Amino acid sequence: MLCNVAFWDRALRFIISVLALSFALAGGPLWFWGLGLYGLATAGWGLCPIYSFFRFRTLR
């Protein structure tokens, strides 16, 4: 599988996603659910579709 997200980027995405989901669970806006789930998915798989579209990589 082609990965384009480095370890530090994956860790940062995971932390931000957990915070976003916690805020959404506490009654935050609905779009925080999408942000949190997208971040968890890309952190878990190591592949970001937005990075792929713009041909950007943090993994060397």
PDB file of N, CA and C in Angstrom:
ATOM      1  N   MET A   1       0.833  -1.165   0.000  1.00  0.00           N
ATOM      2  CA  MET A   1       0.000   0.000   0.000  1.00  0.00           C
ATOM      3  C   MET A   1       0.887   1.241   0.000  1.00  0.00           C
ATOM      4  N   LEU A   2       0.516   2.212  -0.760  1.00  0.00           N
ATOM      5  CA  LEU A   2       1.258   3.458  -0.842  1.00  0.00           C
ATOM      6  C   LEU A   2       0.887   4.356   0.330  1.00  0.00           C
ATOM      7  N   CYS A   3       1.867   4.722   1.114  1.00  0.00           N
ATOM      8  CA  CYS A   3       1.644   5.628   2.240  1.00  0.00           C
ATOM      9  C   CYS A   3       2.268   6.975   1.908  1.00  0.00           C
ATOM     10  N   ASN A   4       1.594   8.039   2.299  1.00  0.00           N
ATOM     11  CA  ASN A   4       2.143   9.364   2.056  1.00  0.00           C
ATOM     12  C   ASN A   4       2.136  10.233   3.316  1.00  0.00           C
ATOM     13  N   VAL A   5       1.931   9.619   4.469  1.00  0.00           N
ATOM     14  CA  VAL A   5       1.877  10.351   5.730  1.00  0.00           C
ATOM     15  C   VAL A   5       2.954   9.787   6.664  1.00  0.00           C
ATOM     16  N   ALA A   6       3.860  10.647   7.128  1.00  0.00           N
ATOM     17  CA  ALA A   6       4.951  10.233   8.011  1.00  0.00           C
ATOM     18  C   ALA A   6       4.430   9.937   9.411  1.00  0.00           C
ATOM     19  N   PHE A   7       5.281   9.313  10.218  1.00  0.00           N
ATOM     20  CA  PHE A   7       4.886   8.927  11.566  1.00  0.00           C
ATOM     21  C   PHE A   7       4.494  10.136  12.406  1.00  0.00           C
ATOM     22  N   TRP A   8       5.296  11.215  12.333  1.00  0.00           N
ATOM     23  CA  TRP A   8       4.979  12.399  13.141  1.00  0.00           C
ATOM     24  C   TRP A   8       3.647  13.003  12.699  1.00  0.00           C
ATOM     25  N   ASP A   9       3.345  12.959  11.414  1.00  0.00           N
ATOM     26  CA  ASP A   9       2.080  13.478  10.884  1.00  0.00           C
ATOM     27  C   ASP A   9       0.915  12.611  11.346  1.00  0.00           C
ATOM     28  N   ARG A  10       1.120  11.303  11.348  1.00  0.00           N
ATOM     29  CA  ARG A  10       0.080  10.377  11.812  1.00  0.00           C
ATOM     30  C   ARG A  10      -0.211  10.587  13.293  1.00  0.00           C
ATOM     31  N   ALA A  11       0.832  10.773  14.102  1.00  0.00           N
ATOM     32  CA  ALA A  11       0.647  10.996  15.537  1.00  0.00           C
ATOM     33  C   ALA A  11      -0.094  12.304  15.791  1.00  0.00           C
ATOM     34  N   LEU A  12       0.264  13.347  15.064  1.00  0.00           N
ATOM     35  CA  LEU A  12      -0.401  14.638  15.206  1.00  0.00           C
ATOM     36  C   LEU A  12      -1.863  14.555  14.781  1.00  0.00           C
ATOM     37  N   ARG A  13      -2.130  13.850  13.692  1.00  0.00           N
ATOM     38  CA  ARG A  13      -3.509  13.658  13.244  1.00  0.00           C
ATOM     39  C   ARG A  13      -4.329  12.895  14.278  1.00  0.00           C
ATOM     40  N   PHE A  14      -3.718  11.879  14.886  1.00  0.00           N
ATOM     41  CA  PHE A  14      -4.426  11.089  15.895  1.00  0.00           C
ATOM     42  C   PHE A  14      -4.800  11.951  17.095  1.00  0.00           C
ATOM     43  N   ILE A  15      -3.860  12.731  17.591  1.00  0.00           N
ATOM     44  CA  ILE A  15      -4.119  13.579  18.761  1.00  0.00           C
ATOM     45  C   ILE A  15      -5.194  14.607  18.463  1.00  0.00           C
ATOM     46  N   ILE A  16      -5.100  15.275  17.324  1.00  0.00           N
ATOM     47  CA  ILE A  16      -6.094  16.286  16.950  1.00  0.00           C
ATOM     48  C   ILE A  16      -7.457  15.641  16.737  1.00  0.00           C
ATOM     49  N   SER A  17      -7.491  14.447  16.183  1.00  0.00           N
ATOM     50  CA  SER A  17      -8.754  13.751  15.937  1.00  0.00           C
ATOM     51  C   SER A  17      -9.435  13.352  17.239  1.00  0.00           C
ATOM     52  N   VAL A  18      -8.658  12.879  18.187  1.00  0.00           N
ATOM     53  CA  VAL A  18      -9.234  12.518  19.482  1.00  0.00           C
ATOM     54  C   VAL A  18      -9.797  13.757  20.169  1.00  0.00           C
ATOM     55  N   LEU A  19      -9.093  14.869  20.094  1.00  0.00           N
ATOM     56  CA  LEU A  19      -9.591  16.107  20.681  1.00  0.00           C
ATOM     57  C   LEU A  19     -10.859  16.585  19.980  1.00  0.00           C
ATOM     58  N   ALA A  20     -10.885  16.489  18.650  1.00  0.00           N
ATOM     59  CA  ALA A  20     -12.070  16.918  17.896  1.00  0.00           C
ATOM     60  C   ALA A  20     -13.274  16.041  18.225  1.00  0.00           C
ATOM     61  N   LEU A  21     -13.064  14.738  18.318  1.00  0.00           N
ATOM     62  CA  LEU A  21     -14.172  13.843  18.657  1.00  0.00           C
ATOM     63  C   LEU A  21     -14.646  14.053  20.094  1.00  0.00           C
ATOM     64  N   SER A  22     -13.733  14.360  20.983  1.00  0.00           N
ATOM     65  CA  SER A  22     -14.127  14.647  22.364  1.00  0.00           C
ATOM     66  C   SER A  22     -14.986  15.906  22.425  1.00  0.00           C
ATOM     67  N   PHE A  23     -14.584  16.910  21.663  1.00  0.00           N
ATOM     68  CA  PHE A  23     -15.354  18.147  21.621  1.00  0.00           C
ATOM     69  C   PHE A  23     -16.722  17.918  20.990  1.00  0.00           C
ATOM     70  N   ALA A  24     -16.779  17.115  19.934  1.00  0.00           N
ATOM     71  CA  ALA A  24     -18.061  16.812  19.288  1.00  0.00           C
ATOM     72  C   ALA A  24     -18.969  16.027  20.224  1.00  0.00           C
ATOM     73  N   LEU A  25     -18.407  15.107  20.969  1.00  0.00           N
ATOM     74  CA  LEU A  25     -19.176  14.312  21.917  1.00  0.00           C
ATOM     75  C   LEU A  25     -19.716  15.176  23.061  1.00  0.00           C
ATOM     76  N   ALA A  26     -18.987  16.225  23.404  1.00  0.00           N
ATOM     77  CA  ALA A  26     -19.408  17.126  24.485  1.00  0.00           C
ATOM     78  C   ALA A  26     -20.448  18.136  24.021  1.00  0.00           C
ATOM     79  N   GLY A  27     -20.823  18.098  22.745  1.00  0.00           N
ATOM     80  CA  GLY A  27     -21.871  18.992  22.258  1.00  0.00           C
ATOM     81  C   GLY A  27     -21.391  20.024  21.267  1.00  0.00           C
ATOM     82  N   GLY A  28     -20.227  19.817  20.706  1.00  0.00           N
ATOM     83  CA  GLY A  28     -19.699  20.750  19.715  1.00  0.00           C
ATOM     84  C   GLY A  28     -20.437  20.633  18.388  1.00  0.00           C
ATOM     85  N   PRO A  29     -20.021  21.420  17.412  1.00  0.00           N
ATOM     86  CA  PRO A  29     -20.670  21.390  16.104  1.00  0.00           C
ATOM     87  C   PRO A  29     -20.559  20.026  15.422  1.00  0.00           C
ATOM     88  N   LEU A  30     -21.479  19.777  14.521  1.00  0.00           N
ATOM     89  CA  LEU A  30     -21.551  18.488  13.837  1.00  0.00           C
ATOM     90  C   LEU A  30     -20.325  18.223  12.971  1.00  0.00           C
ATOM     91  N   TRP A  31     -19.736  19.246  12.401  1.00  0.00           N
ATOM     92  CA  TRP A  31     -18.610  19.019  11.497  1.00  0.00           C
ATOM     93  C   TRP A  31     -17.368  18.515  12.222  1.00  0.00           C
ATOM     94  N   PHE A  32     -17.317  18.618  13.540  1.00  0.00           N
ATOM     95  CA  PHE A  32     -16.195  18.055  14.288  1.00  0.00           C
ATOM     96  C   PHE A  32     -16.203  16.532  14.246  1.00  0.00           C
ATOM     97  N   TRP A  33     -17.384  15.927  14.088  1.00  0.00           N
ATOM     98  CA  TRP A  33     -17.456  14.473  13.920  1.00  0.00           C
ATOM     99  C   TRP A  33     -16.726  14.064  12.644  1.00  0.00           C
ATOM    100  N   GLY A  34     -16.999  14.775  11.555  1.00  0.00           N
ATOM    101  CA  GLY A  34     -16.341  14.467  10.283  1.00  0.00           C
ATOM    102  C   GLY A  34     -14.850  14.689  10.348  1.00  0.00           C
ATOM    103  N   LEU A  35     -14.444  15.788  10.965  1.00  0.00           N
ATOM    104  CA  LEU A  35     -13.023  16.082  11.103  1.00  0.00           C
ATOM    105  C   LEU A  35     -12.318  14.998  11.914  1.00  0.00           C
ATOM    106  N   GLY A  36     -12.923  14.603  13.006  1.00  0.00           N
ATOM    107  CA  GLY A  36     -12.311  13.584  13.856  1.00  0.00           C
ATOM    108  C   GLY A  36     -12.239  12.219  13.194  1.00  0.00           C
ATOM    109  N   LEU A  37     -13.307  11.818  12.536  1.00  0.00           N
ATOM    110  CA  LEU A  37     -13.314  10.507  11.873  1.00  0.00           C
ATOM    111  C   LEU A  37     -12.360  10.468  10.682  1.00  0.00           C
ATOM    112  N   TYR A  38     -12.310  11.564   9.920  1.00  0.00           N
ATOM    113  CA  TYR A  38     -11.372  11.628   8.791  1.00  0.00           C
ATOM    114  C   TYR A  38      -9.935  11.553   9.299  1.00  0.00           C
ATOM    115  N   GLY A  39      -9.647  12.279  10.355  1.00  0.00           N
ATOM    116  CA  GLY A  39      -8.294  12.260  10.911  1.00  0.00           C
ATOM    117  C   GLY A  39      -7.901  10.900  11.442  1.00  0.00           C
ATOM    118  N   LEU A  40      -8.819  10.217  12.118  1.00  0.00           N
ATOM    119  CA  LEU A  40      -8.517   8.874  12.611  1.00  0.00           C
ATOM    120  C   LEU A  40      -8.293   7.889  11.472  1.00  0.00           C
ATOM    121  N   ALA A  41      -9.091   8.005  10.429  1.00  0.00           N
ATOM    122  CA  ALA A  41      -8.941   7.095   9.287  1.00  0.00           C
ATOM    123  C   ALA A  41      -7.600   7.308   8.591  1.00  0.00           C
ATOM    124  N   THR A  42      -7.227   8.551   8.349  1.00  0.00           N
ATOM    125  CA  THR A  42      -5.963   8.807   7.661  1.00  0.00           C
ATOM    126  C   THR A  42      -4.770   8.495   8.548  1.00  0.00           C
ATOM    127  N   ALA A  43      -4.912   8.687   9.857  1.00  0.00           N
ATOM    128  CA  ALA A  43      -3.817   8.323  10.769  1.00  0.00           C
ATOM    129  C   ALA A  43      -3.647   6.812  10.829  1.00  0.00           C
ATOM    130  N   GLY A  44      -4.745   6.088  10.791  1.00  0.00           N
ATOM    131  CA  GLY A  44      -4.669   4.633  10.846  1.00  0.00           C
ATOM    132  C   GLY A  44      -4.124   4.004   9.577  1.00  0.00           C
ATOM    133  N   TRP A  45      -4.537   4.519   8.441  1.00  0.00           N
ATOM    134  CA  TRP A  45      -4.113   3.943   7.163  1.00  0.00           C
ATOM    135  C   TRP A  45      -2.794   4.502   6.656  1.00  0.00           C
ATOM    136  N   GLY A  46      -2.444   5.702   7.074  1.00  0.00           N
ATOM    137  CA  GLY A  46      -1.212   6.315   6.599  1.00  0.00           C
ATOM    138  C   GLY A  46      -1.333   6.871   5.200  1.00  0.00           C
ATOM    139  N   LEU A  47      -2.545   7.010   4.721  1.00  0.00           N
ATOM    140  CA  LEU A  47      -2.781   7.519   3.380  1.00  0.00           C
ATOM    141  C   LEU A  47      -3.810   8.638   3.451  1.00  0.00           C
ATOM    142  N   CYS A  48      -3.437   9.806   2.948  1.00  0.00           N
ATOM    143  CA  CYS A  48      -4.333  10.954   2.945  1.00  0.00           C
ATOM    144  C   CYS A  48      -4.734  11.265   1.506  1.00  0.00           C
ATOM    145  N   PRO A  49      -6.029  11.165   1.170  1.00  0.00           N
ATOM    146  CA  PRO A  49      -6.465  11.450  -0.194  1.00  0.00           C
ATOM    147  C   PRO A  49      -6.209  12.890  -0.628  1.00  0.00           C
ATOM    148  N   ILE A  50      -6.264  13.815   0.295  1.00  0.00           N
ATOM    149  CA  ILE A  50      -6.001  15.218  -0.058  1.00  0.00           C
ATOM    150  C   ILE A  50      -4.531  15.391  -0.427  1.00  0.00           C
ATOM    151  N   TYR A  51      -3.630  14.753   0.328  1.00  0.00           N
ATOM    152  CA  TYR A  51      -2.214  14.782  -0.022  1.00  0.00           C
ATOM    153  C   TYR A  51      -1.989  14.145  -1.391  1.00  0.00           C
ATOM    154  N   SER A  52      -2.673  13.053  -1.665  1.00  0.00           N
ATOM    155  CA  SER A  52      -2.513  12.372  -2.956  1.00  0.00           C
ATOM    156  C   SER A  52      -2.977  13.254  -4.104  1.00  0.00           C
ATOM    157  N   PHE A  53      -4.073  13.958  -3.909  1.00  0.00           N
ATOM    158  CA  PHE A  53      -4.600  14.826  -4.968  1.00  0.00           C
ATOM    159  C   PHE A  53      -3.605  15.925  -5.331  1.00  0.00           C
ATOM    160  N   PHE A  54      -2.975  16.510  -4.321  1.00  0.00           N
ATOM    161  CA  PHE A  54      -2.015  17.589  -4.558  1.00  0.00           C
ATOM    162  C   PHE A  54      -0.585  17.090  -4.715  1.00  0.00           C
ATOM    163  N   ARG A  55      -0.396  15.759  -4.732  1.00  0.00           N
ATOM    164  CA  ARG A  55       0.925  15.122  -4.871  1.00  0.00           C
ATOM    165  C   ARG A  55       1.901  15.623  -3.812  1.00  0.00           C
ATOM    166  N   PHE A  56       1.451  15.627  -2.587  1.00  0.00           N
ATOM    167  CA  PHE A  56       2.229  16.077  -1.444  1.00  0.00           C
ATOM    168  C   PHE A  56       2.489  14.883  -0.541  1.00  0.00           C
ATOM    169  N   ARG A  57       3.687  14.798   0.014  1.00  0.00           N
ATOM    170  CA  ARG A  57       4.028  13.687   0.915  1.00  0.00           C
ATOM    171  C   ARG A  57       4.833  14.227   2.093  1.00  0.00           C
ATOM    172  N   THR A  58       4.573  13.700   3.280  1.00  0.00           N
ATOM    173  CA  THR A  58       5.427  13.986   4.425  1.00  0.00           C
ATOM    174  C   THR A  58       6.329  12.798   4.710  1.00  0.00           C
ATOM    175  N   LEU A  59       6.064  11.668   4.091  1.00  0.00           N
ATOM    176  CA  LEU A  59       6.875  10.471   4.258  1.00  0.00           C
ATOM    177  C   LEU A  59       7.974  10.477   3.210  1.00  0.00           C
ATOM    178  N   ARG A  60       9.192  10.321   3.658  1.00  0.00           N
ATOM    179  CA  ARG A  60      10.326  10.340   2.709  1.00  0.00           C
ATOM    180  C   ARG A  60      10.769   8.942   2.379  1.00  0.00           C
TER     181      ARG A  60
END
